[in-house]
Protein backbone atom coordinates (compact mmCIF):
# COMPACT_ATOMS: atom_id res chain seq x y z
CA MET A 1 -1.16 -33.76 34.90
CA ASN A 2 -1.05 -31.11 37.57
CA LYS A 3 -3.13 -27.96 37.41
CA LEU A 4 -0.22 -25.63 36.49
CA ALA A 5 0.89 -27.86 33.63
CA SER A 6 -2.70 -27.97 32.33
CA VAL A 7 -2.94 -24.17 32.38
CA ILE A 8 0.41 -23.79 30.58
CA LEU A 9 -0.62 -26.35 27.95
CA LEU A 10 -3.92 -24.54 27.36
CA LEU A 11 -2.12 -21.20 27.04
CA CYS A 12 0.34 -22.66 24.52
CA LEU A 13 -2.48 -24.19 22.49
CA SER A 14 -4.38 -20.92 22.62
CA VAL A 15 -1.36 -18.90 21.41
CA THR A 16 -0.76 -21.38 18.57
CA ALA A 17 -4.44 -21.30 17.58
CA ASN A 18 -4.47 -17.48 17.66
CA ALA A 19 -1.32 -17.27 15.53
CA GLN A 20 -2.81 -19.68 12.99
CA SER A 21 -6.08 -17.77 13.02
CA GLU A 22 -4.25 -14.46 12.44
CA PHE A 23 -2.26 -16.03 9.59
CA ASP A 24 -5.41 -17.44 7.99
CA GLU A 25 -7.15 -14.07 8.26
CA ALA A 26 -4.16 -12.24 6.78
CA LYS A 27 -3.93 -14.78 3.96
CA LEU A 28 -7.62 -14.34 3.15
CA LEU A 29 -7.30 -10.55 3.15
CA ALA A 30 -4.19 -10.77 0.96
CA GLU A 31 -6.01 -13.00 -1.52
CA GLN A 32 -8.80 -10.41 -1.59
CA GLY A 33 -6.27 -7.74 -2.60
CA ASP A 34 -5.61 -6.02 0.73
CA ALA A 35 -2.19 -4.37 0.24
CA GLU A 36 -1.33 -4.18 3.97
CA ALA A 37 -2.12 -7.88 4.38
CA GLN A 38 -0.01 -8.70 1.31
CA LEU A 39 2.88 -6.70 2.76
CA ASN A 40 2.57 -8.30 6.21
CA LEU A 41 2.44 -11.81 4.75
CA GLY A 42 5.45 -10.98 2.61
CA ILE A 43 7.36 -9.95 5.73
CA ARG A 44 6.40 -13.23 7.42
CA TYR A 45 7.66 -15.26 4.44
CA ALA A 46 10.86 -13.20 4.15
CA ASN A 47 11.63 -13.74 7.84
CA GLY A 48 10.20 -17.24 8.28
CA GLU A 49 7.74 -16.02 10.92
CA GLY A 50 5.18 -18.78 11.42
CA VAL A 51 5.83 -20.08 7.90
CA PRO A 52 8.86 -21.57 6.18
CA GLU A 53 11.19 -18.83 4.93
CA ASP A 54 10.42 -18.29 1.25
CA ASP A 55 11.92 -15.21 -0.41
CA ALA A 56 10.22 -15.92 -3.75
CA GLU A 57 6.81 -15.91 -2.02
CA ALA A 58 7.76 -12.74 -0.16
CA VAL A 59 8.66 -11.06 -3.47
CA LYS A 60 5.35 -12.14 -4.99
CA LEU A 61 3.41 -10.64 -2.09
CA TYR A 62 5.50 -7.46 -1.94
CA ARG A 63 4.95 -6.98 -5.68
CA LEU A 64 1.16 -7.26 -5.28
CA ALA A 65 1.17 -4.61 -2.56
CA ALA A 66 3.75 -2.44 -4.34
CA LYS A 67 1.67 -2.34 -7.53
CA GLN A 68 -1.14 -0.89 -5.41
CA GLY A 69 1.18 1.97 -4.44
CA LEU A 70 2.10 0.90 -0.90
CA ALA A 71 5.42 2.67 -0.30
CA ARG A 72 6.71 0.25 2.33
CA ALA A 73 6.10 -2.69 -0.01
CA GLN A 74 7.82 -0.85 -2.85
CA ASN A 75 10.84 -0.30 -0.60
CA TYR A 76 10.96 -3.96 0.49
CA LEU A 77 10.63 -5.08 -3.13
CA GLY A 78 13.54 -2.79 -4.01
CA ILE A 79 15.61 -4.37 -1.23
CA MET A 80 14.84 -7.87 -2.51
CA HIS A 81 15.98 -6.88 -6.02
CA ALA A 82 19.11 -5.13 -4.72
CA ASN A 83 20.11 -8.14 -2.64
CA GLY A 84 18.99 -10.85 -5.06
CA ASP A 85 16.64 -12.38 -2.48
CA GLY A 86 13.90 -14.41 -4.17
CA VAL A 87 14.74 -12.82 -7.53
CA PRO A 88 17.94 -12.35 -9.51
CA GLU A 89 19.95 -9.35 -8.31
CA ASN A 90 18.86 -6.39 -10.41
CA TYR A 91 19.92 -2.91 -9.34
CA ALA A 92 17.93 -1.13 -12.04
CA GLU A 93 14.75 -2.85 -10.85
CA ALA A 94 15.65 -1.98 -7.25
CA VAL A 95 16.06 1.68 -8.23
CA LYS A 96 12.64 1.63 -9.91
CA TRP A 97 10.91 0.49 -6.71
CA PHE A 98 12.96 2.71 -4.40
CA ARG A 99 12.15 5.70 -6.62
CA LEU A 100 8.41 5.02 -6.43
CA ALA A 101 8.46 4.77 -2.64
CA ALA A 102 10.82 7.75 -2.25
CA ALA A 103 8.47 9.90 -4.34
CA GLN A 104 5.83 9.24 -1.67
CA GLY A 105 8.18 10.61 0.99
CA TYR A 106 9.07 7.23 2.48
CA ALA A 107 12.34 7.89 4.36
CA ALA A 108 13.78 4.36 4.16
CA ALA A 109 13.34 4.39 0.37
CA GLN A 110 14.91 7.84 0.10
CA TYR A 111 17.90 6.50 2.01
CA ASN A 112 18.08 3.33 -0.12
CA LEU A 113 17.80 5.30 -3.36
CA GLY A 114 20.53 7.60 -2.01
CA LEU A 115 22.74 4.55 -1.54
CA MET A 116 22.16 3.51 -5.14
CA TYR A 117 23.25 6.95 -6.38
CA HIS A 118 26.13 7.13 -3.90
CA TYR A 119 27.62 3.85 -5.15
CA GLY A 120 26.41 3.93 -8.76
CA LEU A 121 24.23 0.83 -8.46
CA GLY A 122 21.57 0.72 -11.20
CA VAL A 123 22.13 4.42 -11.88
CA PRO A 124 25.21 6.50 -12.66
CA GLU A 125 27.14 7.50 -9.53
CA ASN A 126 25.89 10.92 -8.50
CA PHE A 127 26.99 12.30 -5.14
CA ALA A 128 24.79 15.39 -5.41
CA GLU A 129 21.68 13.26 -5.93
CA ALA A 130 22.72 10.90 -3.12
CA PHE A 131 23.18 13.88 -0.82
CA LYS A 132 19.76 15.27 -1.71
CA LEU A 133 18.08 11.94 -0.99
CA TYR A 134 19.98 11.34 2.25
CA ARG A 135 18.98 14.81 3.38
CA LEU A 136 15.29 14.13 2.72
CA ALA A 137 15.49 10.94 4.77
CA ALA A 138 17.64 12.55 7.47
CA LYS A 139 15.10 15.32 8.00
CA GLN A 140 12.57 12.58 8.77
CA GLY A 141 14.87 11.14 11.42
CA ASP A 142 16.61 8.35 9.49
CA ALA A 143 19.84 7.80 11.47
CA GLU A 144 21.61 5.96 8.62
CA ALA A 145 20.93 8.88 6.29
CA GLN A 146 22.12 11.33 8.95
CA ASN A 147 25.33 9.34 9.34
CA ASN A 148 25.88 9.29 5.56
CA LEU A 149 25.38 13.06 5.39
CA GLY A 150 28.15 13.36 7.96
CA ILE A 151 30.40 11.21 5.79
CA MET A 152 29.59 13.21 2.66
CA TYR A 153 30.34 16.51 4.41
CA ALA A 154 33.58 15.14 5.88
CA ASN A 155 34.74 13.83 2.49
CA GLY A 156 33.36 16.66 0.37
CA ASP A 157 31.30 14.21 -1.70
CA GLY A 158 28.61 16.13 -3.57
CA VAL A 159 29.01 19.14 -1.27
CA PRO A 160 31.89 21.36 -0.22
CA GLN A 161 33.90 19.66 2.50
CA ASN A 162 32.76 20.85 5.92
CA ASN A 163 33.95 18.93 8.97
CA VAL A 164 31.73 20.94 11.32
CA ARG A 165 28.57 20.00 9.41
CA GLY A 166 29.80 16.43 9.18
CA TYR A 167 30.25 16.32 12.94
CA ILE A 168 26.79 17.84 13.47
CA TRP A 169 25.12 15.15 11.36
CA TRP A 170 27.12 12.40 13.07
CA SER A 171 26.05 13.81 16.43
CA VAL A 172 22.40 13.83 15.37
CA ALA A 173 22.71 10.22 14.22
CA ALA A 174 24.53 9.22 17.41
CA ALA A 175 21.78 10.79 19.52
CA GLN A 176 19.45 8.22 17.94
CA GLY A 177 21.79 5.35 18.78
CA LYS A 178 23.81 5.17 15.55
CA GLU A 179 27.20 3.99 16.77
CA ASP A 180 29.51 4.22 13.77
């Protein structure tokens, strides 16, 4: 084997060993109750990163972290329930987890909870509540929420129709790369 091939092989083995070592460390921390480690392992299982994709395992890990109050985990758990990934689809359960994360000021959860109110999923349809939640997320820079505020202003959903404000919010979202 030539010298270059030997170096490449050693680098590949080193990367694989480091990835396994990181996984083992994260797994140990998760088993010890570390919420961030539980969340990160859940993400790996949900996406099949270094492990076989396993939504049920992701849900289990998200739930452990979410019960410790980790807003990001609560949001991911809400998404899993809303989409029926790893658990039966359950909008009311999704709303529960989105609400907990949104109460902590987590923009993605505010947006997701806004969607639930906007479309009446797990809660009665309520445009005014959807608008309020989108606005909270939009003020934190969430482009999807900014776009939805534009739509609500343009349609007069939950607010008086105002095409100028709609255009402003669409422009703000577009400035962040939101295309439609």
